[in-house]
Amino acid sequence: MKEFKIREGEEFIELVKLLKLLDLVNSGGEAKIRINKGEVLLNGELETRKRKKLYPGDTIDFDGTQISIL
């Protein structure tokens, strides 16, 4: 499991940005395509909104990687 801490002063991170920042995709465009194809689970449920806001306590499952948002 990977952990991602939201920066000080920020409340959330968008899903597409998270995948790119963690180098789980090669580009933002690839992230958008893979999210749209239904390859991401948010808290155990399918998530297809590219700009979905992620908050501390959320868990993402993507391509065999689980990410906990802190």
C-alpha atoms as a PDB file:
ATOM      1  CA  MET A   1       0.000   0.000   0.000  1.00  0.00           C
ATOM      2  CA  LYS A   2       1.181   3.495  -0.850  1.00  0.00           C
ATOM      3  CA  GLU A   3       0.330   6.544   1.199  1.00  0.00           C
ATOM      4  CA  PHE A   4      -0.193  10.030  -0.180  1.00  0.00           C
ATOM      5  CA  LYS A   5      -0.253  13.037   2.109  1.00  0.00           C
ATOM      6  CA  ILE A   6      -2.171  16.058   0.878  1.00  0.00           C
ATOM      7  CA  ARG A   7      -0.038  19.195   1.005  1.00  0.00           C
ATOM      8  CA  GLU A   8      -0.292  21.538   3.953  1.00  0.00           C
ATOM      9  CA  GLY A   9      -3.003  24.118   3.360  1.00  0.00           C
ATOM     10  CA  GLU A  10      -4.849  22.023   0.763  1.00  0.00           C
ATOM     11  CA  GLU A  11      -8.056  20.123   1.498  1.00  0.00           C
ATOM     12  CA  PHE A  12      -8.055  17.639  -1.384  1.00  0.00           C
ATOM     13  CA  ILE A  13      -6.336  16.361  -4.521  1.00  0.00           C
ATOM     14  CA  GLU A  14      -8.057  15.491  -7.791  1.00  0.00           C
ATOM     15  CA  LEU A  15      -7.949  11.853  -8.874  1.00  0.00           C
ATOM     16  CA  VAL A  16      -6.274  12.517 -12.232  1.00  0.00           C
ATOM     17  CA  LYS A  17      -3.525  14.549 -10.518  1.00  0.00           C
ATOM     18  CA  LEU A  18      -2.917  11.851  -7.919  1.00  0.00           C
ATOM     19  CA  LEU A  19      -2.300   9.150 -10.525  1.00  0.00           C
ATOM     20  CA  LYS A  20       0.140  11.411 -12.370  1.00  0.00           C
ATOM     21  CA  LEU A  21       1.993  12.598  -9.247  1.00  0.00           C
ATOM     22  CA  LEU A  22       2.548   9.012  -8.095  1.00  0.00           C
ATOM     23  CA  ASP A  23       3.855   8.055 -11.567  1.00  0.00           C
ATOM     24  CA  LEU A  24       1.174   5.380 -11.944  1.00  0.00           C
ATOM     25  CA  VAL A  25       0.519   6.710 -15.461  1.00  0.00           C
ATOM     26  CA  ASN A  26       2.773   8.356 -18.035  1.00  0.00           C
ATOM     27  CA  SER A  27       0.614  11.433 -18.561  1.00  0.00           C
ATOM     28  CA  GLY A  28      -2.536  13.205 -17.484  1.00  0.00           C
ATOM     29  CA  GLY A  29      -4.119  12.073 -20.738  1.00  0.00           C
ATOM     30  CA  GLU A  30      -3.429   8.432 -19.932  1.00  0.00           C
ATOM     31  CA  ALA A  31      -4.880   8.950 -16.446  1.00  0.00           C
ATOM     32  CA  LYS A  32      -8.083  10.375 -17.927  1.00  0.00           C
ATOM     33  CA  ILE A  33      -8.461   7.459 -20.339  1.00  0.00           C
ATOM     34  CA  ARG A  34      -7.888   4.811 -17.669  1.00  0.00           C
ATOM     35  CA  ILE A  35     -10.280   6.485 -15.226  1.00  0.00           C
ATOM     36  CA  ASN A  36     -12.904   6.733 -17.973  1.00  0.00           C
ATOM     37  CA  LYS A  37     -12.425   3.015 -18.796  1.00  0.00           C
ATOM     38  CA  GLY A  38     -13.358   2.136 -15.206  1.00  0.00           C
ATOM     39  CA  GLU A  39      -9.933   1.080 -13.951  1.00  0.00           C
ATOM     40  CA  VAL A  40     -10.137   2.979 -10.633  1.00  0.00           C
ATOM     41  CA  LEU A  41     -11.927   2.101  -7.414  1.00  0.00           C
ATOM     42  CA  LEU A  42     -12.542   4.765  -4.778  1.00  0.00           C
ATOM     43  CA  ASN A  43     -13.328   3.333  -1.355  1.00  0.00           C
ATOM     44  CA  GLY A  44     -14.172   0.027  -3.043  1.00  0.00           C
ATOM     45  CA  GLU A  45     -16.553   1.490  -5.660  1.00  0.00           C
ATOM     46  CA  LEU A  46     -16.006   2.240  -9.342  1.00  0.00           C
ATOM     47  CA  GLU A  47     -15.005   5.865  -9.936  1.00  0.00           C
ATOM     48  CA  THR A  48     -15.103   7.414 -13.422  1.00  0.00           C
ATOM     49  CA  ARG A  49     -14.980  11.125 -12.546  1.00  0.00           C
ATOM     50  CA  LYS A  50     -11.529  12.381 -13.549  1.00  0.00           C
ATOM     51  CA  ARG A  51     -11.658  15.454 -11.344  1.00  0.00           C
ATOM     52  CA  LYS A  52     -13.110  13.644  -8.314  1.00  0.00           C
ATOM     53  CA  LYS A  53     -11.817  15.303  -5.172  1.00  0.00           C
ATOM     54  CA  LEU A  54      -9.996  12.953  -2.832  1.00  0.00           C
ATOM     55  CA  TYR A  55      -9.838  13.679   0.885  1.00  0.00           C
ATOM     56  CA  PRO A  56      -7.924  12.187   3.813  1.00  0.00           C
ATOM     57  CA  GLY A  57      -9.366   8.775   4.632  1.00  0.00           C
ATOM     58  CA  ASP A  58     -10.116   7.884   1.003  1.00  0.00           C
ATOM     59  CA  THR A  59      -8.582   4.745  -0.506  1.00  0.00           C
ATOM     60  CA  ILE A  60      -7.844   4.280  -4.207  1.00  0.00           C
ATOM     61  CA  ASP A  61      -7.263   0.958  -5.965  1.00  0.00           C
ATOM     62  CA  PHE A  62      -5.580   1.255  -9.353  1.00  0.00           C
ATOM     63  CA  ASP A  63      -3.640  -1.244 -11.445  1.00  0.00           C
ATOM     64  CA  GLY A  64      -2.812  -3.489  -8.481  1.00  0.00           C
ATOM     65  CA  THR A  65      -1.811  -0.581  -6.241  1.00  0.00           C
ATOM     66  CA  GLN A  66      -3.749   0.584  -3.217  1.00  0.00           C
ATOM     67  CA  ILE A  67      -3.279   4.216  -2.175  1.00  0.00           C
ATOM     68  CA  SER A  68      -4.359   5.680   1.137  1.00  0.00           C
ATOM     69  CA  ILE A  69      -4.962   9.428   1.227  1.00  0.00           C
ATOM     70  CA  LEU A  70      -3.630  11.110   4.369  1.00  0.00           C
END
